[in-house]
Amino acid sequence: MFKVSVIMPCLNVEKYISNCLDSVVNQTLKDIEIIVVDAGSTDNTLNIIKEFKSKDERIKLINSDKKSYGYQMNIAANIAQGEYIGIVETDDYIEKNAFDMLYREIVNTDADYIKGKAIAFFDQGNFKFQREYKTCLDWDIKNKVVVNPKRYPWLFISDNFIWNGLYRREYFQKFKFLESPGAAFQDIGVLFKLISNSEKAIYLNKIVYYYRQGDMLASSYNHKSLNFVKNEYSALENLLENLSEGWRYIFYRKMAHHLLNRFDYMSCEGVFWTEASESIIWLKKKLNYAIDNKILSKSNFSEYDWEGLKIFLNEGGYSLFQYYQNSLDYHTKITMNTIEQFKNREWIIFGCGAWGKAIGSIFRMFNIKVNAFCDNSSKKQGTKIYDLEILSPNEAVKTYKQTHFFISNKSHKYEIQQQLLKLGVNQERIFAKDISEEIYKNPTTLRSLYKESLKI
């Protein structure tokens, strides 16, 4: 028996499959089987897989006769022989010791599954952006936490993905994926069952997975994706009567999240998805039921999302589409006006966290000159982000005497501003206005900015 069976569904991923397979075959945990299920790739994907297979006998290649993520997953899960099952999407990649870390923590326990953290990233031309996904609520986890997921329905909101962990094989095989066409949202139902049926799980405070966000202009714009959402929730409805009130709430709360998220993507594309009209009617009926029966209420949503949900329920899908499109256009215009202020100046980005890196990428998108990064952390000083040095504040001020500073540290913005003033930087050369939050939290806004950058 293998320690881990790695399931890898794929279709036409020739650009990414080599990087993905490299990260799997070179895992520090060697006792694994690798089950690749291809759904009829027509590019060079199969040739690349076969080349890897000729050099590594652990790889099993299965040809699926259906283009269905759920069907591919069920095939692989049925033949898996490992103690645990892991999943790697074939346009992503994993840390070289991901399965070793996860296996060591879960083996010899009675936990049903273990999850690590993931980094979501864009990597398209000059634009590079990443952010960390927390999978275990907002708990302060120093190393790991052991939980009873049945008691924490909110995990279904914070733990969004199926691929960033290991599952006890016998437990995973209890649950089947819907075998509907396509590859979007077909993990919703299984993820709901995995979490709501588990009495013991481990959440590890370690990065194990890198999740590619895809083409900035094409990813997640499948006009039938709301149909896939409807299919998954429809198949779960019969389970609700046996679940607690908390799980019924979280079922409808996540349904609302998926609905609003899809309309976000619609707004960025600028096209109303008529292909999803019947599913929109179904989702409207179910969410109206949840509101009327006080399962959901205004207190469960941000003001912006609640307003959108009200428009959807009272006026319909097209009105929600217009609401989101108008909002996105407005915020994109405001952000673009701010970005215009940055042009024809040279910059130092003060702060090297996720947002600092994102600001650097956004500046590059719009051909704004960035000379360097700087940071108060001595560990970061002397290293690089992209091809740019990270300097100490003293070095930055002395080396670039006329450069402007963009403060990208939200927690210590005032202190950094005072620090720069003491170092002799004039106030007019310090930009401390926060334009980060909406962009950082909302990938749709990033896509909108990317589209604007292509017009330059």
Protein backbone atom coordinates (compact mmCIF):
# COMPACT_ATOMS: atom_id res chain seq x y z
CA MET A 1 0.00 0.00 0.00
CA PHE A 2 1.22 3.50 -0.86
CA LYS A 3 1.24 6.21 1.78
CA VAL A 4 -0.51 8.67 -0.56
CA SER A 5 -2.49 8.38 -3.80
CA VAL A 6 -2.23 11.65 -5.74
CA ILE A 7 -5.22 12.30 -8.04
CA MET A 8 -4.56 14.64 -10.97
CA PRO A 9 -7.49 15.35 -13.34
CA CYS A 10 -6.43 17.15 -16.51
CA LEU A 11 -7.53 18.50 -19.88
CA ASN A 12 -5.44 20.60 -22.30
CA VAL A 13 -2.90 21.98 -19.83
CA GLU A 14 0.27 21.74 -21.91
CA LYS A 15 1.48 25.14 -20.62
CA TYR A 16 1.44 24.01 -17.00
CA ILE A 17 1.53 20.20 -16.78
CA SER A 18 5.35 19.91 -16.74
CA ASN A 19 5.70 22.31 -13.82
CA CYS A 20 2.85 20.57 -12.01
CA LEU A 21 4.20 17.03 -12.52
CA ASP A 22 7.70 18.17 -11.56
CA SER A 23 6.36 19.33 -8.20
CA VAL A 24 4.61 15.98 -7.63
CA VAL A 25 7.22 13.45 -8.80
CA ASN A 26 9.92 15.29 -6.83
CA GLN A 27 8.06 15.19 -3.53
CA THR A 28 10.24 14.39 -0.55
CA LEU A 29 7.66 11.74 0.32
CA LYS A 30 8.53 9.08 -2.26
CA ASP A 31 5.98 6.38 -1.36
CA ILE A 32 3.17 7.77 -3.51
CA GLU A 33 1.17 6.70 -6.54
CA ILE A 34 0.25 9.33 -9.10
CA ILE A 35 -3.07 8.84 -10.90
CA VAL A 36 -3.46 11.17 -13.88
CA VAL A 37 -6.91 11.11 -15.47
CA ASP A 38 -7.02 12.86 -18.84
CA ALA A 39 -10.38 13.83 -20.35
CA GLY A 40 -9.30 13.79 -24.00
CA SER A 41 -6.63 16.48 -24.32
CA THR A 42 -6.08 17.66 -27.89
CA ASP A 43 -2.92 19.69 -27.29
CA ASN A 44 0.48 18.34 -26.21
CA THR A 45 -0.63 17.43 -22.68
CA LEU A 46 -0.69 13.66 -23.23
CA ASN A 47 2.76 13.55 -24.80
CA ILE A 48 4.21 15.41 -21.82
CA ILE A 49 2.50 13.05 -19.35
CA LYS A 50 3.74 9.99 -21.28
CA GLU A 51 7.28 11.34 -21.18
CA PHE A 52 7.07 11.70 -17.39
CA LYS A 53 5.48 8.25 -17.14
CA SER A 54 8.35 6.64 -19.07
CA LYS A 55 10.73 7.89 -16.37
CA ASP A 56 8.57 7.27 -13.29
CA GLU A 57 6.71 4.00 -12.77
CA ARG A 58 4.58 5.56 -10.02
CA ILE A 59 2.53 7.42 -12.67
CA LYS A 60 -0.69 5.80 -13.88
CA LEU A 61 -2.35 7.42 -16.91
CA ILE A 62 -6.07 6.86 -17.36
CA ASN A 63 -8.08 8.12 -20.32
CA SER A 64 -11.55 9.34 -19.34
CA ASP A 65 -14.34 8.89 -21.89
CA LYS A 66 -16.19 11.92 -20.44
CA LYS A 67 -15.18 15.54 -20.15
CA SER A 68 -16.33 15.74 -16.55
CA TYR A 69 -14.20 16.66 -13.56
CA GLY A 70 -16.52 14.70 -11.28
CA TYR A 71 -16.28 11.58 -13.47
CA GLN A 72 -12.47 11.86 -13.56
CA MET A 73 -12.29 12.21 -9.77
CA ASN A 74 -14.58 9.22 -9.18
CA ILE A 75 -12.54 7.00 -11.51
CA ALA A 76 -9.31 7.85 -9.70
CA ALA A 77 -10.76 7.61 -6.19
CA ASN A 78 -12.16 4.13 -6.93
CA ILE A 79 -8.76 2.69 -7.86
CA ALA A 80 -6.63 4.61 -5.34
CA GLN A 81 -4.59 2.32 -3.08
CA GLY A 82 -2.91 4.80 -0.74
CA GLU A 83 -3.57 5.24 2.95
CA TYR A 84 -4.50 8.83 2.10
CA ILE A 85 -5.69 10.66 -0.99
CA GLY A 86 -4.31 13.99 -2.17
CA ILE A 87 -5.48 16.07 -5.14
CA VAL A 88 -3.42 18.32 -7.39
CA GLU A 89 -5.03 20.36 -10.17
CA THR A 90 -2.78 20.15 -13.21
CA ASP A 91 -2.36 23.89 -13.76
CA ASP A 92 -1.16 24.33 -10.16
CA TYR A 93 1.86 23.07 -8.23
CA ILE A 94 2.76 22.07 -4.67
CA GLU A 95 5.58 22.57 -2.19
CA LYS A 96 8.25 19.91 -2.57
CA ASN A 97 7.58 18.60 0.96
CA ALA A 98 3.81 19.15 0.96
CA PHE A 99 2.75 15.52 1.26
CA ASP A 100 5.57 14.75 3.69
CA MET A 101 4.42 17.54 6.03
CA LEU A 102 0.77 16.57 5.78
CA TYR A 103 1.36 12.83 6.11
CA ARG A 104 3.58 13.16 9.18
CA GLU A 105 0.88 15.20 10.94
CA ILE A 106 -2.08 12.94 10.15
CA VAL A 107 -0.60 9.42 10.23
CA ASN A 108 -1.32 7.47 13.41
CA THR A 109 -4.25 9.77 14.19
CA ASP A 110 -7.93 9.07 13.61
CA ALA A 111 -8.43 12.35 11.72
CA ASP A 112 -10.52 12.18 8.55
CA TYR A 113 -8.46 14.82 6.79
CA ILE A 114 -5.72 17.42 7.11
CA LYS A 115 -5.49 20.75 5.31
CA GLY A 116 -2.59 23.16 4.78
CA LYS A 117 -2.66 26.73 3.48
CA ALA A 118 -2.58 27.79 -0.15
CA ILE A 119 -1.16 30.68 -2.12
CA ALA A 120 -3.34 31.93 -4.98
CA PHE A 121 -1.36 33.62 -7.73
CA PHE A 122 -1.62 35.41 -11.05
CA ASP A 123 1.38 35.18 -13.35
CA GLN A 124 0.67 36.88 -16.65
CA GLY A 125 3.29 38.92 -18.47
CA ASN A 126 4.45 41.76 -16.22
CA PHE A 127 1.62 41.14 -13.81
CA LYS A 128 2.44 38.95 -10.83
CA PHE A 129 0.22 38.88 -7.79
CA GLN A 130 -0.35 36.46 -4.95
CA ARG A 131 -2.32 36.22 -1.75
CA GLU A 132 -2.61 33.67 0.99
CA TYR A 133 -5.79 31.69 1.59
CA LYS A 134 -6.63 30.90 5.20
CA THR A 135 -8.58 27.67 5.42
CA CYS A 136 -9.46 27.54 9.09
CA LEU A 137 -11.64 30.49 10.03
CA ASP A 138 -9.77 33.35 11.70
CA TRP A 139 -8.29 31.19 14.43
CA ASP A 140 -4.79 32.12 15.54
CA ILE A 141 -2.94 28.94 14.63
CA LYS A 142 0.70 28.83 15.67
CA ASN A 143 1.36 25.41 14.18
CA LYS A 144 -1.83 23.41 13.85
CA VAL A 145 -5.31 23.02 15.26
CA VAL A 146 -7.40 19.88 15.67
CA VAL A 147 -11.15 20.45 15.26
CA ASN A 148 -14.46 18.67 15.07
CA PRO A 149 -15.75 20.07 11.74
CA LYS A 150 -19.34 19.00 12.47
CA ARG A 151 -19.38 21.63 15.20
CA TYR A 152 -18.05 24.40 12.95
CA PRO A 153 -20.28 24.84 9.88
CA TRP A 154 -18.47 28.11 9.10
CA LEU A 155 -15.55 25.98 7.90
CA PHE A 156 -17.52 25.47 4.68
CA ILE A 157 -17.12 29.21 4.06
CA SER A 158 -13.43 29.53 4.94
CA ASP A 159 -12.26 26.13 3.65
CA ASN A 160 -13.09 26.57 -0.01
CA PHE A 161 -10.95 24.00 -1.77
CA ILE A 162 -10.55 20.26 -1.97
CA TRP A 163 -6.97 20.09 -3.18
CA ASN A 164 -4.86 21.52 -0.32
CA GLY A 165 -4.75 18.49 1.94
CA LEU A 166 -4.89 14.74 2.48
CA TYR A 167 -7.97 12.61 3.15
CA ARG A 168 -8.14 9.19 4.75
CA ARG A 169 -8.87 7.00 1.74
CA GLU A 170 -11.80 5.08 3.23
CA TYR A 171 -13.39 8.35 4.30
CA PHE A 172 -12.91 10.08 0.95
CA GLN A 173 -14.33 7.12 -0.97
CA LYS A 174 -17.66 7.42 0.87
CA PHE A 175 -18.54 10.51 -1.15
CA LYS A 176 -19.07 10.69 -4.89
CA PHE A 177 -18.71 13.69 -7.17
CA LEU A 178 -21.51 14.73 -9.50
CA GLU A 179 -20.54 13.62 -13.00
CA SER A 180 -21.94 16.64 -14.80
CA PRO A 181 -20.10 18.00 -17.86
CA GLY A 182 -17.23 20.42 -17.45
CA ALA A 183 -14.85 21.19 -14.61
CA ALA A 184 -16.30 24.17 -12.73
CA PHE A 185 -17.59 23.98 -9.13
CA GLN A 186 -17.87 20.19 -9.12
CA ASP A 187 -16.13 20.00 -5.77
CA ILE A 188 -18.82 21.97 -3.88
CA GLY A 189 -20.95 18.96 -2.99
CA VAL A 190 -18.11 16.65 -1.97
CA LEU A 191 -16.44 19.39 0.06
CA PHE A 192 -19.72 20.03 1.91
CA LYS A 193 -20.03 16.31 2.73
CA LEU A 194 -16.38 15.91 3.72
CA ILE A 195 -16.60 18.76 6.23
CA SER A 196 -20.13 18.21 7.57
CA ASN A 197 -19.60 14.49 8.22
CA SER A 198 -16.17 14.72 9.82
CA GLU A 199 -15.65 14.51 13.57
CA LYS A 200 -11.93 15.14 13.50
CA ALA A 201 -9.70 17.15 11.16
CA ILE A 202 -6.36 18.90 11.35
CA TYR A 203 -5.58 22.36 9.97
CA LEU A 204 -1.88 23.05 9.53
CA ASN A 205 -0.32 26.51 9.48
CA LYS A 206 2.01 25.72 6.58
CA ILE A 207 1.90 26.62 2.88
CA VAL A 208 1.50 23.43 0.86
CA TYR A 209 -0.22 24.48 -2.38
CA TYR A 210 0.04 27.11 -5.14
CA TYR A 211 -3.23 27.84 -6.91
CA ARG A 212 -3.03 29.43 -10.35
CA GLN A 213 -5.77 32.00 -10.90
CA GLY A 214 -5.59 31.54 -14.64
CA ASP A 215 -5.94 33.82 -17.63
CA MET A 216 -6.80 37.33 -16.45
CA LEU A 217 -9.25 37.72 -19.31
CA ALA A 218 -10.72 34.23 -19.59
CA SER A 219 -10.58 32.36 -16.31
CA SER A 220 -13.91 31.74 -14.59
CA TYR A 221 -15.92 33.38 -17.37
CA ASN A 222 -17.76 30.16 -18.21
CA HIS A 223 -21.28 31.33 -19.02
CA LYS A 224 -22.72 28.05 -17.71
CA SER A 225 -20.96 28.21 -14.34
CA LEU A 226 -24.15 29.22 -12.52
CA ASN A 227 -25.71 26.04 -13.93
CA PHE A 228 -22.91 24.05 -12.28
CA VAL A 229 -23.50 25.90 -9.00
CA LYS A 230 -27.22 25.12 -9.18
CA ASN A 231 -26.54 21.42 -9.90
CA GLU A 232 -24.27 21.06 -6.87
CA TYR A 233 -26.63 22.74 -4.39
CA SER A 234 -29.65 20.96 -5.80
CA ALA A 235 -27.98 17.60 -5.19
CA LEU A 236 -27.22 18.55 -1.57
CA GLU A 237 -30.74 19.68 -0.62
CA ASN A 238 -31.91 16.26 0.52
CA LEU A 239 -29.18 16.23 3.20
CA LEU A 240 -30.35 19.39 4.95
CA GLU A 241 -33.17 17.90 7.03
CA ASN A 242 -30.65 15.72 8.89
CA LEU A 243 -28.26 18.58 9.63
CA SER A 244 -28.20 21.21 12.35
CA GLU A 245 -29.58 24.73 12.00
CA GLY A 246 -26.01 26.00 11.65
CA TRP A 247 -25.37 23.78 8.64
CA ARG A 248 -28.64 24.82 7.00
CA TYR A 249 -27.62 28.46 7.43
CA ILE A 250 -24.16 27.88 5.98
CA PHE A 251 -25.64 25.97 3.01
CA TYR A 252 -27.68 29.02 1.93
CA ARG A 253 -24.95 31.49 2.92
CA LYS A 254 -22.43 29.78 0.63
CA MET A 255 -25.05 29.53 -2.12
CA ALA A 256 -25.49 33.31 -1.92
CA HIS A 257 -21.71 33.74 -2.02
CA HIS A 258 -21.40 31.66 -5.18
CA LEU A 259 -24.27 33.55 -6.83
CA LEU A 260 -22.79 36.99 -6.07
CA ASN A 261 -19.30 35.83 -7.07
CA ARG A 262 -20.51 34.74 -10.51
CA PHE A 263 -22.22 38.09 -11.05
CA ASP A 264 -18.92 39.74 -10.13
CA TYR A 265 -17.30 37.91 -13.04
CA MET A 266 -20.20 38.76 -15.32
CA SER A 267 -19.70 42.43 -14.51
CA CYS A 268 -16.02 42.32 -15.42
CA GLU A 269 -16.71 40.60 -18.72
CA GLY A 270 -19.58 43.00 -19.40
CA VAL A 271 -21.90 40.27 -20.68
CA PHE A 272 -25.06 38.93 -19.04
CA TRP A 273 -24.95 35.14 -19.10
CA THR A 274 -28.29 34.20 -20.68
CA GLU A 275 -27.17 30.55 -20.72
CA ALA A 276 -27.72 30.51 -16.95
CA SER A 277 -31.25 32.00 -16.98
CA GLU A 278 -33.04 28.89 -15.68
CA SER A 279 -30.48 28.37 -12.92
CA ILE A 280 -30.80 32.02 -11.91
CA ILE A 281 -34.55 31.50 -11.44
CA TRP A 282 -33.87 28.38 -9.30
CA LEU A 283 -31.28 30.19 -7.16
CA LYS A 284 -33.63 33.14 -6.70
CA LYS A 285 -36.36 30.80 -5.45
CA LYS A 286 -34.04 29.08 -2.95
CA LEU A 287 -32.55 32.30 -1.59
CA ASN A 288 -36.00 33.86 -1.26
CA TYR A 289 -36.95 30.81 0.81
CA ALA A 290 -33.90 31.33 3.04
CA ILE A 291 -34.74 35.02 3.58
CA ASP A 292 -38.47 34.43 4.14
CA ASN A 293 -37.73 31.72 6.73
CA LYS A 294 -35.14 33.90 8.49
CA ILE A 295 -32.30 31.50 7.72
CA LEU A 296 -30.47 34.43 6.14
CA SER A 297 -30.73 38.10 7.08
CA LYS A 298 -29.02 41.43 6.52
CA SER A 299 -26.63 40.79 9.42
CA ASN A 300 -25.05 37.90 7.49
CA PHE A 301 -23.73 40.10 4.68
CA SER A 302 -21.67 43.17 3.99
CA GLU A 303 -23.73 46.25 3.09
CA TYR A 304 -22.61 45.96 -0.54
CA ASP A 305 -23.52 42.26 -0.85
CA TRP A 306 -26.84 42.70 0.96
CA GLU A 307 -27.82 45.47 -1.41
CA GLY A 308 -26.90 43.23 -4.35
CA LEU A 309 -28.86 40.30 -2.94
CA LYS A 310 -31.94 42.52 -2.43
CA ILE A 311 -31.72 43.74 -6.02
CA PHE A 312 -31.43 40.16 -7.25
CA LEU A 313 -34.42 38.93 -5.26
CA ASN A 314 -36.65 41.94 -5.95
CA GLU A 315 -35.70 42.93 -9.49
CA GLY A 316 -33.97 39.92 -11.01
CA GLY A 317 -30.64 38.78 -12.39
CA TYR A 318 -30.15 41.45 -15.05
CA SER A 319 -30.61 44.24 -12.50
CA LEU A 320 -27.95 42.64 -10.27
CA PHE A 321 -25.63 42.41 -13.28
CA GLN A 322 -26.10 46.15 -13.93
CA TYR A 323 -25.58 46.98 -10.24
CA TYR A 324 -22.28 45.09 -10.13
CA GLN A 325 -21.14 46.43 -13.49
CA ASN A 326 -21.83 50.04 -12.48
CA SER A 327 -20.04 49.53 -9.16
CA LEU A 328 -17.00 47.92 -10.83
CA ASP A 329 -16.84 50.66 -13.47
CA TYR A 330 -16.98 53.34 -10.76
CA HIS A 331 -14.26 51.81 -8.57
CA THR A 332 -12.07 51.04 -11.57
CA LYS A 333 -12.37 54.68 -12.69
CA ILE A 334 -11.49 55.95 -9.21
CA THR A 335 -8.49 53.63 -9.03
CA MET A 336 -7.38 54.56 -12.54
CA ASN A 337 -7.55 58.26 -11.62
CA THR A 338 -5.30 57.52 -8.65
CA ILE A 339 -2.89 55.54 -10.81
CA GLU A 340 -2.66 58.52 -13.19
CA GLN A 341 -1.05 60.44 -10.33
CA PHE A 342 1.79 57.92 -10.25
CA LYS A 343 2.85 58.35 -13.86
CA ASN A 344 5.87 60.45 -14.82
CA ARG A 345 7.34 59.84 -11.36
CA GLU A 346 9.81 57.30 -10.05
CA TRP A 347 8.91 55.22 -7.01
CA ILE A 348 10.18 53.23 -4.06
CA ILE A 349 7.59 50.81 -2.64
CA PHE A 350 7.87 50.74 1.15
CA GLY A 351 6.65 47.34 2.35
CA CYS A 352 7.34 43.91 0.90
CA GLY A 353 4.30 41.90 1.93
CA ALA A 354 1.63 40.54 -0.41
CA TRP A 355 0.20 44.00 -1.03
CA GLY A 356 3.61 45.57 -1.69
CA LYS A 357 4.30 42.92 -4.31
CA ALA A 358 0.87 43.50 -5.85
CA ILE A 359 1.44 47.26 -6.02
CA GLY A 360 4.74 46.54 -7.77
CA SER A 361 2.92 44.41 -10.34
CA ILE A 362 0.19 47.00 -10.87
CA PHE A 363 2.82 49.71 -11.40
CA ARG A 364 4.49 47.52 -14.01
CA MET A 365 1.17 46.92 -15.75
CA PHE A 366 0.90 50.67 -16.30
CA ASN A 367 4.61 51.21 -17.09
CA ILE A 368 5.19 53.19 -13.91
CA LYS A 369 8.87 53.28 -12.95
CA VAL A 370 9.75 51.45 -9.71
CA ASN A 371 13.40 51.81 -8.67
CA ALA A 372 13.38 49.48 -5.68
CA PHE A 373 11.50 48.18 -2.66
CA CYS A 374 12.40 49.02 0.92
CA ASP A 375 11.50 47.48 4.24
CA ASN A 376 12.37 47.77 7.92
CA SER A 377 12.93 44.01 8.17
CA SER A 378 16.66 43.22 8.14
CA LYS A 379 15.82 39.71 6.89
CA LYS A 380 14.29 41.12 3.72
CA GLN A 381 16.95 43.76 3.09
CA GLY A 382 19.50 42.66 0.49
CA THR A 383 17.08 40.26 -1.21
CA LYS A 384 14.94 40.96 -4.27
CA ILE A 385 11.31 41.10 -5.39
CA TYR A 386 11.11 40.34 -9.09
CA ASP A 387 14.37 41.96 -10.29
CA LEU A 388 14.27 44.84 -7.78
CA GLU A 389 16.43 45.18 -4.67
CA ILE A 390 14.95 45.50 -1.20
CA LEU A 391 16.79 48.31 0.56
CA SER A 392 16.76 49.62 4.10
CA PRO A 393 14.90 52.94 4.44
CA ASN A 394 18.24 54.76 4.98
CA GLU A 395 19.70 53.24 1.79
CA ALA A 396 16.58 54.07 -0.20
CA VAL A 397 16.54 57.70 0.89
CA LYS A 398 20.30 58.19 0.26
CA THR A 399 20.38 56.35 -3.10
CA TYR A 400 17.21 57.81 -4.64
CA LYS A 401 17.07 61.43 -3.58
CA GLN A 402 14.12 62.53 -5.74
CA THR A 403 12.13 59.31 -5.79
CA HIS A 404 8.58 59.14 -4.40
CA PHE A 405 7.64 56.60 -1.73
CA PHE A 406 4.48 54.48 -1.86
CA ILE A 407 3.67 53.09 1.60
CA SER A 408 2.16 49.62 1.20
CA ASN A 409 2.06 48.65 4.88
CA LYS A 410 -1.50 49.22 6.09
CA SER A 411 -0.86 48.46 9.79
CA HIS A 412 2.00 50.92 10.28
CA LYS A 413 1.29 53.55 7.67
CA TYR A 414 1.48 56.53 10.05
CA GLU A 415 4.70 55.33 11.71
CA ILE A 416 6.37 54.77 8.32
CA GLN A 417 5.28 58.21 7.15
CA GLN A 418 6.86 59.78 10.24
CA GLN A 419 10.00 57.69 9.71
CA LEU A 420 10.41 58.98 6.16
CA LEU A 421 9.83 62.57 7.23
CA LYS A 422 12.59 62.22 9.85
CA LEU A 423 14.90 60.84 7.16
CA GLY A 424 14.39 64.06 5.19
CA VAL A 425 11.79 62.97 2.63
CA ASN A 426 9.39 65.81 1.80
CA GLN A 427 5.70 65.19 2.47
CA GLU A 428 4.85 65.65 -1.23
CA ARG A 429 7.09 62.67 -2.05
CA ILE A 430 5.18 60.32 0.28
CA PHE A 431 2.01 58.60 -0.91
CA ALA A 432 0.09 57.01 1.95
CA LYS A 433 -3.44 56.91 0.58
CA ASP A 434 -4.87 53.40 0.85
CA ILE A 435 -6.02 52.10 -2.53
CA SER A 436 -5.21 48.53 -1.57
CA GLU A 437 -8.16 46.99 0.15
CA GLU A 438 -10.65 46.64 -2.70
CA ILE A 439 -8.01 45.51 -5.18
CA TYR A 440 -6.40 43.09 -2.76
CA LYS A 441 -9.65 41.46 -1.71
CA ASN A 442 -11.34 41.37 -5.09
CA PRO A 443 -9.62 39.59 -8.00
CA THR A 444 -12.36 40.90 -10.30
CA THR A 445 -11.02 44.42 -9.79
CA LEU A 446 -7.55 43.15 -10.68
CA ARG A 447 -8.91 41.73 -13.92
CA SER A 448 -10.60 45.03 -14.67
CA LEU A 449 -7.33 46.90 -14.10
CA TYR A 450 -5.49 44.41 -16.28
CA LYS A 451 -7.95 45.07 -19.10
CA GLU A 452 -7.38 48.81 -18.69
CA SER A 453 -3.60 48.31 -18.84
CA LEU A 454 -3.92 46.60 -22.24
CA LYS A 455 -5.37 49.80 -23.68
CA ILE A 456 -2.12 51.68 -23.05
